Each structure stands twice: as structure tokens, then as C-alpha cells.
PDB file of N, CA and C in Angstrom:
ATOM      1  N   MET A   1     162.022 -30.358  24.787  1.00  0.00           N
ATOM      2  CA  MET A   1     162.899 -31.239  25.514  1.00  0.00           C
ATOM      3  C   MET A   1     163.960 -31.767  24.545  1.00  0.00           C
ATOM      4  N   ALA A   2     165.200 -31.797  24.973  1.00  0.00           N
ATOM      5  CA  ALA A   2     166.294 -32.264  24.133  1.00  0.00           C
ATOM      6  C   ALA A   2     166.155 -33.760  23.866  1.00  0.00           C
ATOM      7  N   ALA A   3     166.690 -34.205  22.730  1.00  0.00           N
ATOM      8  CA  ALA A   3     166.592 -35.621  22.357  1.00  0.00           C
ATOM      9  C   ALA A   3     167.205 -36.522  23.424  1.00  0.00           C
ATOM     10  N   LYS A   4     168.304 -36.078  24.032  1.00  0.00           N
ATOM     11  CA  LYS A   4     168.951 -36.863  25.088  1.00  0.00           C
ATOM     12  C   LYS A   4     168.021 -37.024  26.291  1.00  0.00           C
ATOM     13  N   ASP A   5     167.338 -35.946  26.664  1.00  0.00           N
ATOM     14  CA  ASP A   5     166.401 -36.003  27.787  1.00  0.00           C
ATOM     15  C   ASP A   5     165.224 -36.918  27.475  1.00  0.00           C
ATOM     16  N   GLU A   6     164.721 -36.847  26.241  1.00  0.00           N
ATOM     17  CA  GLU A   6     163.610 -37.709  25.841  1.00  0.00           C
ATOM     18  C   GLU A   6     164.021 -39.172  25.884  1.00  0.00           C
ATOM     19  N   LEU A   7     165.234 -39.461  25.433  1.00  0.00           N
ATOM     20  CA  LEU A   7     165.752 -40.829  25.467  1.00  0.00           C
ATOM     21  C   LEU A   7     165.828 -41.321  26.910  1.00  0.00           C
ATOM     22  N   GLY A   8     166.347 -40.476  27.788  1.00  0.00           N
ATOM     23  CA  GLY A   8     166.461 -40.839  29.198  1.00  0.00           C
ATOM     24  C   GLY A   8     165.111 -41.081  29.843  1.00  0.00           C
ATOM     25  N   ARG A   9     164.142 -40.219  29.585  1.00  0.00           N
ATOM     26  CA  ARG A   9     162.797 -40.393  30.153  1.00  0.00           C
ATOM     27  C   ARG A   9     162.137 -41.669  29.625  1.00  0.00           C
ATOM     28  N   ALA A  10     162.311 -41.930  28.328  1.00  0.00           N
ATOM     29  CA  ALA A  10     161.743 -43.154  27.754  1.00  0.00           C
ATOM     30  C   ALA A  10     162.409 -44.386  28.376  1.00  0.00           C
ATOM     31  N   GLY A  11     163.701 -44.317  28.616  1.00  0.00           N
ATOM     32  CA  GLY A  11     164.397 -45.421  29.264  1.00  0.00           C
ATOM     33  C   GLY A  11     163.914 -45.640  30.684  1.00  0.00           C
ATOM     34  N   GLU A  12     163.692 -44.564  31.415  1.00  0.00           N
ATOM     35  CA  GLU A  12     163.187 -44.685  32.790  1.00  0.00           C
ATOM     36  C   GLU A  12     161.783 -45.273  32.811  1.00  0.00           C
ATOM     37  N   GLU A  13     160.972 -44.920  31.838  1.00  0.00           N
ATOM     38  CA  GLU A  13     159.627 -45.487  31.752  1.00  0.00           C
ATOM     39  C   GLU A  13     159.711 -46.992  31.502  1.00  0.00           C
ATOM     40  N   ARG A  14     160.560 -47.392  30.575  1.00  0.00           N
ATOM     41  CA  ARG A  14     160.737 -48.826  30.287  1.00  0.00           C
ATOM     42  C   ARG A  14     161.270 -49.546  31.519  1.00  0.00           C
ATOM     43  N   ALA A  15     162.214 -48.936  32.220  1.00  0.00           N
ATOM     44  CA  ALA A  15     162.779 -49.549  33.421  1.00  0.00           C
ATOM     45  C   ALA A  15     161.716 -49.733  34.491  1.00  0.00           C
ATOM     46  N   ALA A  16     160.860 -48.733  34.688  1.00  0.00           N
ATOM     47  CA  ALA A  16     159.788 -48.837  35.683  1.00  0.00           C
ATOM     48  C   ALA A  16     158.829 -49.967  35.311  1.00  0.00           C
ATOM     49  N   GLN A  17     158.510 -50.097  34.035  1.00  0.00           N
ATOM     50  CA  GLN A  17     157.639 -51.187  33.587  1.00  0.00           C
ATOM     51  C   GLN A  17     158.299 -52.539  33.844  1.00  0.00           C
ATOM     52  N   HIS A  18     159.586 -52.631  33.541  1.00  0.00           N
ATOM     53  CA  HIS A  18     160.333 -53.871  33.773  1.00  0.00           C
ATOM     54  C   HIS A  18     160.304 -54.250  35.250  1.00  0.00           C
ATOM     55  N   LEU A  19     160.543 -53.276  36.110  1.00  0.00           N
ATOM     56  CA  LEU A  19     160.545 -53.547  37.546  1.00  0.00           C
ATOM     57  C   LEU A  19     159.171 -54.037  38.006  1.00  0.00           C
ATOM     58  N   THR A  20     158.122 -53.372  37.562  1.00  0.00           N
ATOM     59  CA  THR A  20     156.765 -53.768  37.941  1.00  0.00           C
ATOM     60  C   THR A  20     156.470 -55.193  37.471  1.00  0.00           C
ATOM     61  N   GLN A  21     156.845 -55.497  36.247  1.00  0.00           N
ATOM     62  CA  GLN A  21     156.622 -56.843  35.706  1.00  0.00           C
ATOM     63  C   GLN A  21     157.469 -57.890  36.431  1.00  0.00           C
ATOM     64  N   SER A  22     158.546 -57.462  37.066  1.00  0.00           N
ATOM     65  CA  SER A  22     159.422 -58.371  37.805  1.00  0.00           C
ATOM     66  C   SER A  22     159.045 -58.485  39.274  1.00  0.00           C
ATOM     67  N   GLY A  23     157.911 -57.901  39.653  1.00  0.00           N
ATOM     68  CA  GLY A  23     157.420 -58.039  41.011  1.00  0.00           C
ATOM     69  C   GLY A  23     157.804 -56.938  41.977  1.00  0.00           C
ATOM     70  N   TYR A  24     158.396 -55.865  41.483  1.00  0.00           N
ATOM     71  CA  TYR A  24     158.749 -54.728  42.324  1.00  0.00           C
ATOM     72  C   TYR A  24     157.550 -53.797  42.441  1.00  0.00           C
ATOM     73  N   ALA A  25     157.492 -53.069  43.532  1.00  0.00           N
ATOM     74  CA  ALA A  25     156.544 -51.971  43.682  1.00  0.00           C
ATOM     75  C   ALA A  25     157.347 -50.677  43.541  1.00  0.00           C
ATOM     76  N   VAL A  26     157.042 -49.877  42.546  1.00  0.00           N
ATOM     77  CA  VAL A  26     157.745 -48.611  42.353  1.00  0.00           C
ATOM     78  C   VAL A  26     157.200 -47.623  43.378  1.00  0.00           C
ATOM     79  N   LEU A  27     158.091 -47.133  44.234  1.00  0.00           N
ATOM     80  CA  LEU A  27     157.700 -46.223  45.313  1.00  0.00           C
ATOM     81  C   LEU A  27     157.908 -44.759  44.954  1.00  0.00           C
ATOM     82  N   ASP A  28     158.905 -44.490  44.126  1.00  0.00           N
ATOM     83  CA  ASP A  28     159.241 -43.106  43.798  1.00  0.00           C
ATOM     84  C   ASP A  28     160.006 -43.077  42.486  1.00  0.00           C
ATOM     85  N   ARG A  29     159.840 -41.965  41.760  1.00  0.00           N
ATOM     86  CA  ARG A  29     160.585 -41.764  40.509  1.00  0.00           C
ATOM     87  C   ARG A  29     161.114 -40.346  40.482  1.00  0.00           C
ATOM     88  N   ASN A  30     162.328 -40.211  40.006  1.00  0.00           N
ATOM     89  CA  ASN A  30     162.979 -38.912  39.860  1.00  0.00           C
ATOM     90  C   ASN A  30     162.943 -38.110  41.161  1.00  0.00           C
ATOM     91  N   TRP A  31     163.253 -38.788  42.276  1.00  0.00           N
ATOM     92  CA  TRP A  31     163.273 -38.124  43.580  1.00  0.00           C
ATOM     93  C   TRP A  31     164.547 -37.287  43.692  1.00  0.00           C
ATOM     94  N   ARG A  32     164.371 -36.037  44.098  1.00  0.00           N
ATOM     95  CA  ARG A  32     165.498 -35.112  44.180  1.00  0.00           C
ATOM     96  C   ARG A  32     165.682 -34.588  45.592  1.00  0.00           C
ATOM     97  N   CYS A  33     166.949 -34.344  45.912  1.00  0.00           N
ATOM     98  CA  CYS A  33     167.309 -33.647  47.146  1.00  0.00           C
ATOM     99  C   CYS A  33     168.587 -32.868  46.826  1.00  0.00           C
ATOM    100  N   GLY A  34     169.171 -32.254  47.825  1.00  0.00           N
ATOM    101  CA  GLY A  34     170.373 -31.458  47.606  1.00  0.00           C
ATOM    102  C   GLY A  34     171.563 -32.241  47.091  1.00  0.00           C
ATOM    103  N   GLN A  35     171.570 -33.553  47.305  1.00  0.00           N
ATOM    104  CA  GLN A  35     172.683 -34.396  46.870  1.00  0.00           C
ATOM    105  C   GLN A  35     172.565 -34.863  45.425  1.00  0.00           C
ATOM    106  N   GLY A  36     171.362 -34.783  44.865  1.00  0.00           N
ATOM    107  CA  GLY A  36     171.177 -35.259  43.498  1.00  0.00           C
ATOM    108  C   GLY A  36     169.811 -35.875  43.297  1.00  0.00           C
ATOM    109  N   GLU A  37     169.737 -36.847  42.396  1.00  0.00           N
ATOM    110  CA  GLU A  37     168.469 -37.451  42.012  1.00  0.00           C
ATOM    111  C   GLU A  37     168.577 -38.966  41.954  1.00  0.00           C
ATOM    112  N   ILE A  38     167.523 -39.625  42.407  1.00  0.00           N
ATOM    113  CA  ILE A  38     167.382 -41.071  42.246  1.00  0.00           C
ATOM    114  C   ILE A  38     166.377 -41.293  41.127  1.00  0.00           C
ATOM    115  N   ASP A  39     166.752 -42.115  40.147  1.00  0.00           N
ATOM    116  CA  ASP A  39     165.844 -42.372  39.032  1.00  0.00           C
ATOM    117  C   ASP A  39     164.594 -43.109  39.499  1.00  0.00           C
ATOM    118  N   ILE A  40     164.788 -44.236  40.192  1.00  0.00           N
ATOM    119  CA  ILE A  40     163.653 -45.038  40.650  1.00  0.00           C
ATOM    120  C   ILE A  40     163.975 -45.610  42.029  1.00  0.00           C
ATOM    121  N   VAL A  41     162.994 -45.578  42.914  1.00  0.00           N
ATOM    122  CA  VAL A  41     163.063 -46.282  44.193  1.00  0.00           C
ATOM    123  C   VAL A  41     161.939 -47.308  44.155  1.00  0.00           C
ATOM    124  N   ALA A  42     162.291 -48.571  44.425  1.00  0.00           N
ATOM    125  CA  ALA A  42     161.292 -49.640  44.366  1.00  0.00           C
ATOM    126  C   ALA A  42     161.543 -50.629  45.491  1.00  0.00           C
ATOM    127  N   SER A  43     160.531 -51.418  45.792  1.00  0.00           N
ATOM    128  CA  SER A  43     160.702 -52.457  46.808  1.00  0.00           C
ATOM    129  C   SER A  43     160.233 -53.791  46.249  1.00  0.00           C
ATOM    130  N   ARG A  44     160.867 -54.834  46.749  1.00  0.00           N
ATOM    131  CA  ARG A  44     160.457 -56.208  46.429  1.00  0.00           C
ATOM    132  C   ARG A  44     160.887 -57.079  47.587  1.00  0.00           C
ATOM    133  N   GLY A  45     159.937 -57.757  48.156  1.00  0.00           N
ATOM    134  CA  GLY A  45     160.249 -58.569  49.329  1.00  0.00           C
ATOM    135  C   GLY A  45     160.761 -57.678  50.444  1.00  0.00           C
ATOM    136  N   ARG A  46     161.905 -58.029  50.994  1.00  0.00           N
ATOM    137  CA  ARG A  46     162.465 -57.241  52.090  1.00  0.00           C
ATOM    138  C   ARG A  46     163.531 -56.251  51.626  1.00  0.00           C
ATOM    139  N   HIS A  47     163.589 -55.997  50.319  1.00  0.00           N
ATOM    140  CA  HIS A  47     164.603 -55.103  49.773  1.00  0.00           C
ATOM    141  C   HIS A  47     164.025 -53.784  49.270  1.00  0.00           C
ATOM    142  N   LEU A  48     164.779 -52.733  49.518  1.00  0.00           N
ATOM    143  CA  LEU A  48     164.498 -51.414  48.964  1.00  0.00           C
ATOM    144  C   LEU A  48     165.576 -51.170  47.910  1.00  0.00           C
ATOM    145  N   ALA A  49     165.170 -51.036  46.671  1.00  0.00           N
ATOM    146  CA  ALA A  49     166.109 -50.880  45.565  1.00  0.00           C
ATOM    147  C   ALA A  49     166.170 -49.424  45.117  1.00  0.00           C
ATOM    148  N   VAL A  50     167.374 -48.877  45.143  1.00  0.00           N
ATOM    149  CA  VAL A  50     167.641 -47.566  44.552  1.00  0.00           C
ATOM    150  C   VAL A  50     168.212 -47.881  43.178  1.00  0.00           C
ATOM    151  N   VAL A  51     167.465 -47.518  42.130  1.00  0.00           N
ATOM    152  CA  VAL A  51     167.778 -47.967  40.784  1.00  0.00           C
ATOM    153  C   VAL A  51     168.282 -46.806  39.922  1.00  0.00           C
ATOM    154  N   GLU A  52     169.475 -46.986  39.380  1.00  0.00           N
ATOM    155  CA  GLU A  52     170.055 -46.038  38.425  1.00  0.00           C
ATOM    156  C   GLU A  52     169.759 -46.570  37.030  1.00  0.00           C
ATOM    157  N   VAL A  53     169.189 -45.729  36.179  1.00  0.00           N
ATOM    158  CA  VAL A  53     168.837 -46.126  34.818  1.00  0.00           C
ATOM    159  C   VAL A  53     169.741 -45.380  33.844  1.00  0.00           C
ATOM    160  N   LYS A  54     170.380 -46.130  32.965  1.00  0.00           N
ATOM    161  CA  LYS A  54     171.230 -45.550  31.932  1.00  0.00           C
ATOM    162  C   LYS A  54     170.741 -46.044  30.581  1.00  0.00           C
ATOM    163  N   THR A  55     170.457 -45.117  29.683  1.00  0.00           N
ATOM    164  CA  THR A  55     169.933 -45.447  28.357  1.00  0.00           C
ATOM    165  C   THR A  55     170.876 -44.885  27.304  1.00  0.00           C
ATOM    166  N   ARG A  56     171.212 -45.707  26.331  1.00  0.00           N
ATOM    167  CA  ARG A  56     172.091 -45.299  25.237  1.00  0.00           C
ATOM    168  C   ARG A  56     171.487 -45.768  23.916  1.00  0.00           C
ATOM    169  N   ARG A  57     171.727 -45.005  22.874  1.00  0.00           N
ATOM    170  CA  ARG A  57     171.274 -45.409  21.541  1.00  0.00           C
ATOM    171  C   ARG A  57     172.120 -46.571  21.012  1.00  0.00           C
ATOM    172  N   SER A  58     173.406 -46.576  21.385  1.00  0.00           N
ATOM    173  CA  SER A  58     174.319 -47.642  20.958  1.00  0.00           C
ATOM    174  C   SER A  58     175.443 -47.736  21.999  1.00  0.00           C
ATOM    175  N   VAL A  59     176.328 -48.689  21.798  1.00  0.00           N
ATOM    176  CA  VAL A  59     177.474 -48.824  22.703  1.00  0.00           C
ATOM    177  C   VAL A  59     178.730 -48.194  22.091  1.00  0.00           C
ATOM    178  N   ALA A  60     178.544 -47.354  21.085  1.00  0.00           N
ATOM    179  CA  ALA A  60     179.680 -46.722  20.413  1.00  0.00           C
ATOM    180  C   ALA A  60     180.565 -45.946  21.391  1.00  0.00           C
ATOM    181  N   PHE A  61     179.966 -45.380  22.426  1.00  0.00           N
ATOM    182  CA  PHE A  61     180.742 -44.631  23.417  1.00  0.00           C
ATOM    183  C   PHE A  61     180.791 -45.368  24.752  1.00  0.00           C
ATOM    184  N   GLY A  62     180.543 -46.669  24.716  1.00  0.00           N
ATOM    185  CA  GLY A  62     180.615 -47.485  25.922  1.00  0.00           C
ATOM    186  C   GLY A  62     179.252 -47.992  26.351  1.00  0.00           C
ATOM    187  N   HIS A  63     179.294 -49.074  27.092  1.00  0.00           N
ATOM    188  CA  HIS A  63     178.080 -49.686  27.632  1.00  0.00           C
ATOM    189  C   HIS A  63     177.497 -48.774  28.710  1.00  0.00           C
ATOM    190  N   PRO A  64     176.184 -48.740  28.860  1.00  0.00           N
ATOM    191  CA  PRO A  64     175.580 -47.870  29.878  1.00  0.00           C
ATOM    192  C   PRO A  64     176.134 -48.089  31.285  1.00  0.00           C
ATOM    193  N   PHE A  65     176.441 -49.327  31.650  1.00  0.00           N
ATOM    194  CA  PHE A  65     176.927 -49.598  33.000  1.00  0.00           C
ATOM    195  C   PHE A  65     178.311 -49.006  33.265  1.00  0.00           C
ATOM    196  N   GLU A  66     179.057 -48.702  32.217  1.00  0.00           N
ATOM    197  CA  GLU A  66     180.378 -48.089  32.396  1.00  0.00           C
ATOM    198  C   GLU A  66     180.273 -46.699  33.024  1.00  0.00           C
ATOM    199  N   ALA A  67     179.110 -46.078  32.933  1.00  0.00           N
ATOM    200  CA  ALA A  67     178.912 -44.737  33.512  1.00  0.00           C
ATOM    201  C   ALA A  67     178.672 -44.790  35.019  1.00  0.00           C
ATOM    202  N   ILE A  68     178.526 -45.988  35.568  1.00  0.00           N
ATOM    203  CA  ILE A  68     178.271 -46.123  37.005  1.00  0.00           C
ATOM    204  C   ILE A  68     179.569 -46.559  37.678  1.00  0.00           C
ATOM    205  N   ASP A  69     180.406 -45.581  37.929  1.00  0.00           N
ATOM    206  CA  ASP A  69     181.707 -45.850  38.532  1.00  0.00           C
ATOM    207  C   ASP A  69     181.615 -45.787  40.056  1.00  0.00           C
ATOM    208  N   GLU A  70     182.745 -45.932  40.724  1.00  0.00           N
ATOM    209  CA  GLU A  70     182.783 -45.936  42.189  1.00  0.00           C
ATOM    210  C   GLU A  70     182.230 -44.631  42.769  1.00  0.00           C
ATOM    211  N   ARG A  71     182.571 -43.526  42.178  1.00  0.00           N
ATOM    212  CA  ARG A  71     182.068 -42.221  42.647  1.00  0.00           C
ATOM    213  C   ARG A  71     180.539 -42.162  42.565  1.00  0.00           C
ATOM    214  N   LYS A  72     179.986 -42.639  41.451  1.00  0.00           N
ATOM    215  CA  LYS A  72     178.535 -42.644  41.264  1.00  0.00           C
ATOM    216  C   LYS A  72     177.877 -43.579  42.282  1.00  0.00           C
ATOM    217  N   ARG A  73     178.477 -44.744  42.528  1.00  0.00           N
ATOM    218  CA  ARG A  73     177.910 -45.671  43.512  1.00  0.00           C
ATOM    219  C   ARG A  73     177.906 -45.058  44.906  1.00  0.00           C
ATOM    220  N   ARG A  74     178.972 -44.349  45.269  1.00  0.00           N
ATOM    221  CA  ARG A  74     179.008 -43.674  46.575  1.00  0.00           C
ATOM    222  C   ARG A  74     177.890 -42.636  46.671  1.00  0.00           C
ATOM    223  N   ARG A  75     177.681 -41.888  45.601  1.00  0.00           N
ATOM    224  CA  ARG A  75     176.618 -40.884  45.596  1.00  0.00           C
ATOM    225  C   ARG A  75     175.253 -41.550  45.715  1.00  0.00           C
ATOM    226  N   LEU A  76     175.059 -42.671  45.041  1.00  0.00           N
ATOM    227  CA  LEU A  76     173.791 -43.384  45.132  1.00  0.00           C
ATOM    228  C   LEU A  76     173.527 -43.879  46.554  1.00  0.00           C
ATOM    229  N   TRP A  77     174.567 -44.324  47.258  1.00  0.00           N
ATOM    230  CA  TRP A  77     174.395 -44.741  48.654  1.00  0.00           C
ATOM    231  C   TRP A  77     173.989 -43.545  49.517  1.00  0.00           C
ATOM    232  N   GLY A  78     174.590 -42.392  49.279  1.00  0.00           N
ATOM    233  CA  GLY A  78     174.200 -41.191  50.020  1.00  0.00           C
ATOM    234  C   GLY A  78     172.766 -40.790  49.731  1.00  0.00           C
ATOM    235  N   LEU A  79     172.371 -40.889  48.471  1.00  0.00           N
ATOM    236  CA  LEU A  79     170.987 -40.589  48.098  1.00  0.00           C
ATOM    237  C   LEU A  79     170.023 -41.592  48.714  1.00  0.00           C
ATOM    238  N   ALA A  80     170.433 -42.850  48.778  1.00  0.00           N
ATOM    239  CA  ALA A  80     169.590 -43.874  49.406  1.00  0.00           C
ATOM    240  C   ALA A  80     169.333 -43.529  50.866  1.00  0.00           C
ATOM    241  N   ARG A  81     170.385 -43.125  51.571  1.00  0.00           N
ATOM    242  CA  ARG A  81     170.224 -42.741  52.981  1.00  0.00           C
ATOM    243  C   ARG A  81     169.298 -41.523  53.116  1.00  0.00           C
ATOM    244  N   ALA A  82     169.444 -40.566  52.203  1.00  0.00           N
ATOM    245  CA  ALA A  82     168.592 -39.373  52.240  1.00  0.00           C
ATOM    246  C   ALA A  82     167.133 -39.749  51.969  1.00  0.00           C
ATOM    247  N   TRP A  83     166.907 -40.654  51.026  1.00  0.00           N
ATOM    248  CA  TRP A  83     165.542 -41.081  50.729  1.00  0.00           C
ATOM    249  C   TRP A  83     164.934 -41.792  51.929  1.00  0.00           C
ATOM    250  N   GLN A  84     165.723 -42.658  52.558  1.00  0.00           N
ATOM    251  CA  GLN A  84     165.246 -43.370  53.753  1.00  0.00           C
ATOM    252  C   GLN A  84     164.859 -42.385  54.856  1.00  0.00           C
ATOM    253  N   ALA A  85     165.675 -41.373  55.054  1.00  0.00           N
ATOM    254  CA  ALA A  85     165.399 -40.382  56.094  1.00  0.00           C
ATOM    255  C   ALA A  85     164.126 -39.596  55.778  1.00  0.00           C
ATOM    256  N   ALA A  86     163.882 -39.339  54.494  1.00  0.00           N
ATOM    257  CA  ALA A  86     162.703 -38.585  54.084  1.00  0.00           C
ATOM    258  C   ALA A  86     161.436 -39.447  54.059  1.00  0.00           C
ATOM    259  N   HIS A  87     161.595 -40.772  54.027  1.00  0.00           N
ATOM    260  CA  HIS A  87     160.455 -41.691  53.918  1.00  0.00           C
ATOM    261  C   HIS A  87     160.595 -42.838  54.916  1.00  0.00           C
ATOM    262  N   PRO A  88     160.681 -42.535  56.210  1.00  0.00           N
ATOM    263  CA  PRO A  88     160.936 -43.604  57.192  1.00  0.00           C
ATOM    264  C   PRO A  88     159.863 -44.686  57.222  1.00  0.00           C
ATOM    265  N   ASP A  89     158.617 -44.342  56.990  1.00  0.00           N
ATOM    266  CA  ASP A  89     157.555 -45.357  57.023  1.00  0.00           C
ATOM    267  C   ASP A  89     157.668 -46.342  55.869  1.00  0.00           C
ATOM    268  N   LEU A  90     158.080 -45.867  54.695  1.00  0.00           N
ATOM    269  CA  LEU A  90     158.217 -46.750  53.537  1.00  0.00           C
ATOM    270  C   LEU A  90     159.490 -47.591  53.605  1.00  0.00           C
ATOM    271  N   ALA A  91     160.531 -47.052  54.240  1.00  0.00           N
ATOM    272  CA  ALA A  91     161.836 -47.717  54.262  1.00  0.00           C
ATOM    273  C   ALA A  91     162.030 -48.644  55.458  1.00  0.00           C
ATOM    274  N   ARG A  92     161.185 -48.512  56.460  1.00  0.00           N
ATOM    275  CA  ARG A  92     161.367 -49.264  57.708  1.00  0.00           C
ATOM    276  C   ARG A  92     161.423 -50.775  57.453  1.00  0.00           C
ATOM    277  N   GLY A  93     162.472 -51.391  57.981  1.00  0.00           N
ATOM    278  CA  GLY A  93     162.608 -52.834  57.916  1.00  0.00           C
ATOM    279  C   GLY A  93     163.124 -53.382  56.599  1.00  0.00           C
ATOM    280  N   LEU A  94     163.396 -52.520  55.634  1.00  0.00           N
ATOM    281  CA  LEU A  94     163.870 -52.984  54.334  1.00  0.00           C
ATOM    282  C   LEU A  94     165.391 -52.858  54.236  1.00  0.00           C
ATOM    283  N   VAL A  95     166.006 -53.813  53.570  1.00  0.00           N
ATOM    284  CA  VAL A  95     167.444 -53.803  53.327  1.00  0.00           C
ATOM    285  C   VAL A  95     167.688 -53.076  52.009  1.00  0.00           C
ATOM    286  N   VAL A  96     168.515 -52.049  52.055  1.00  0.00           N
ATOM    287  CA  VAL A  96     168.767 -51.231  50.860  1.00  0.00           C
ATOM    288  C   VAL A  96     169.818 -51.887  49.975  1.00  0.00           C
ATOM    289  N   ARG A  97     169.584 -51.820  48.695  1.00  0.00           N
ATOM    290  CA  ARG A  97     170.604 -52.220  47.727  1.00  0.00           C
ATOM    291  C   ARG A  97     170.520 -51.289  46.515  1.00  0.00           C
ATOM    292  N   ILE A  98     171.648 -51.158  45.850  1.00  0.00           N
ATOM    293  CA  ILE A  98     171.738 -50.331  44.650  1.00  0.00           C
ATOM    294  C   ILE A  98     171.636 -51.260  43.446  1.00  0.00           C
ATOM    295  N   GLU A  99     170.782 -50.901  42.513  1.00  0.00           N
ATOM    296  CA  GLU A  99     170.598 -51.684  41.298  1.00  0.00           C
ATOM    297  C   GLU A  99     170.782 -50.774  40.091  1.00  0.00           C
ATOM    298  N   ALA A 100     171.008 -51.383  38.944  1.00  0.00           N
ATOM    299  CA  ALA A 100     171.177 -50.612  37.714  1.00  0.00           C
ATOM    300  C   ALA A 100     170.422 -51.288  36.587  1.00  0.00           C
ATOM    301  N   ILE A 101     169.827 -50.459  35.755  1.00  0.00           N
ATOM    302  CA  ILE A 101     169.193 -50.950  34.536  1.00  0.00           C
ATOM    303  C   ILE A 101     169.823 -50.191  33.380  1.00  0.00           C
ATOM    304  N   GLY A 102     170.343 -50.942  32.428  1.00  0.00           N
ATOM    305  CA  GLY A 102     170.928 -50.372  31.222  1.00  0.00           C
ATOM    306  C   GLY A 102     170.077 -50.754  30.024  1.00  0.00           C
ATOM    307  N   ILE A 103     169.797 -49.779  29.177  1.00  0.00           N
ATOM    308  CA  ILE A 103     169.002 -50.018  27.978  1.00  0.00           C
ATOM    309  C   ILE A 103     169.790 -49.486  26.790  1.00  0.00           C
ATOM    310  N   VAL A 104     169.915 -50.315  25.752  1.00  0.00           N
ATOM    311  CA  VAL A 104     170.618 -49.912  24.535  1.00  0.00           C
ATOM    312  C   VAL A 104     169.693 -50.120  23.351  1.00  0.00           C
ATOM    313  N   GLY A 105     169.494 -49.059  22.581  1.00  0.00           N
ATOM    314  CA  GLY A 105     168.684 -49.141  21.373  1.00  0.00           C
ATOM    315  C   GLY A 105     168.164 -47.777  20.988  1.00  0.00           C
ATOM    316  N   THR A 106     167.876 -47.603  19.728  1.00  0.00           N
ATOM    317  CA  THR A 106     167.379 -46.304  19.264  1.00  0.00           C
ATOM    318  C   THR A 106     166.011 -45.991  19.834  1.00  0.00           C
ATOM    319  N   ASP A 107     165.246 -47.043  20.147  1.00  0.00           N
ATOM    320  CA  ASP A 107     163.946 -46.874  20.794  1.00  0.00           C
ATOM    321  C   ASP A 107     163.975 -47.663  22.102  1.00  0.00           C
ATOM    322  N   PRO A 108     164.030 -46.971  23.244  1.00  0.00           N
ATOM    323  CA  PRO A 108     164.109 -47.673  24.522  1.00  0.00           C
ATOM    324  C   PRO A 108     162.964 -48.652  24.767  1.00  0.00           C
ATOM    325  N   ALA A 109     161.829 -48.444  24.125  1.00  0.00           N
ATOM    326  CA  ALA A 109     160.682 -49.327  24.328  1.00  0.00           C
ATOM    327  C   ALA A 109     160.966 -50.756  23.878  1.00  0.00           C
ATOM    328  N   ASN A 110     161.883 -50.921  22.917  1.00  0.00           N
ATOM    329  CA  ASN A 110     162.198 -52.278  22.473  1.00  0.00           C
ATOM    330  C   ASN A 110     163.699 -52.535  22.381  1.00  0.00           C
ATOM    331  N   GLY A 111     164.503 -51.683  23.015  1.00  0.00           N
ATOM    332  CA  GLY A 111     165.939 -51.901  23.057  1.00  0.00           C
ATOM    333  C   GLY A 111     166.304 -53.037  24.002  1.00  0.00           C
ATOM    334  N   THR A 112     167.564 -53.393  24.022  1.00  0.00           N
ATOM    335  CA  THR A 112     168.054 -54.440  24.912  1.00  0.00           C
ATOM    336  C   THR A 112     168.131 -53.899  26.335  1.00  0.00           C
ATOM    337  N   LEU A 113     167.514 -54.602  27.259  1.00  0.00           N
ATOM    338  CA  LEU A 113     167.488 -54.188  28.666  1.00  0.00           C
ATOM    339  C   LEU A 113     168.279 -55.184  29.505  1.00  0.00           C
ATOM    340  N   GLU A 114     169.157 -54.675  30.350  1.00  0.00           N
ATOM    341  CA  GLU A 114     169.895 -55.488  31.318  1.00  0.00           C
ATOM    342  C   GLU A 114     169.645 -54.918  32.703  1.00  0.00           C
ATOM    343  N   HIS A 115     169.439 -55.799  33.670  1.00  0.00           N
ATOM    344  CA  HIS A 115     169.135 -55.387  35.044  1.00  0.00           C
ATOM    345  C   HIS A 115     170.161 -56.044  35.965  1.00  0.00           C
ATOM    346  N   LEU A 116     170.959 -55.214  36.628  1.00  0.00           N
ATOM    347  CA  LEU A 116     171.916 -55.696  37.618  1.00  0.00           C
ATOM    348  C   LEU A 116     171.376 -55.442  39.012  1.00  0.00           C
ATOM    349  N   VAL A 117     171.353 -56.461  39.820  1.00  0.00           N
ATOM    350  CA  VAL A 117     170.855 -56.374  41.192  1.00  0.00           C
ATOM    351  C   VAL A 117     172.045 -56.307  42.130  1.00  0.00           C
ATOM    352  N   ASP A 118     171.990 -55.386  43.086  1.00  0.00           N
ATOM    353  CA  ASP A 118     173.017 -55.268  44.120  1.00  0.00           C
ATOM    354  C   ASP A 118     174.408 -55.019  43.534  1.00  0.00           C
ATOM    355  N   ILE A 119     174.608 -53.809  43.005  1.00  0.00           N
ATOM    356  CA  ILE A 119     175.867 -53.477  42.333  1.00  0.00           C
ATOM    357  C   ILE A 119     176.910 -52.858  43.267  1.00  0.00           C
ATOM    358  N   THR A 120     176.756 -53.078  44.573  1.00  0.00           N
ATOM    359  CA  THR A 120     177.696 -52.498  45.522  1.00  0.00           C
ATOM    360  C   THR A 120     179.083 -52.855  45.113  1.00  0.00           C
TER     361      THR A 120
END
């Protein structure tokens, strides 16, 4: 596995732990369909969170959240709808929102983590 892929997987693991510790129930990870992939799908209260995780070793090439532009947000909304359609029992009655977790550090396990809720 390439170092970039390992960094990304480690970041997603840290993000899932953060969500669980914050009271979320992780429903799905790395869910794929023809439109792309959702890193994490989680629920908390009456919300269904589609979570994009971005992990960087440093901010030398920009903050992780800079990679989540308008085009990416539109794609995440489409993926959210696809996930809901594929999992109607889990999604029923929940309000969908897009969230982002950015992690910066050479080791994602102890890097700086930021969590943005509802990045529409």
C-alpha cells in the first residue's frame, strides 16, 4: 500500500474513533457506488452525517479543508442521496448533513484533528 493510502486509512480510523467518542454511531465506512465513495456515514440524534475525511502530513500544500470545494460538496450530496436509497431503513427519519474531519500531522493517531459539522 502506498504511503499516501496508509496515511488516508490511518486518518479515517482516527476520524471514526473521534466520531464514536463524540456520540456518533458509525453506520458505514468506505461505502462505494458508481458516483464515488463516502469515507464515513454516521448518525447522532436525528442527523445522518456523511463525513469526508482529509489527512495531511503538513499544511505546506494547504489545509485539508481546502480540498473540499463546491464541486466536492455537490458530489457528497449526490453520494448521500445514493446511500439513503441503498439503506432506507437506516436513513429513515434522519436529517442529512455533510461534515468534514481534517487531520494534520505525520502520525494521524496524534495529529491535530478538526471537525466541521454541516459544511453545506
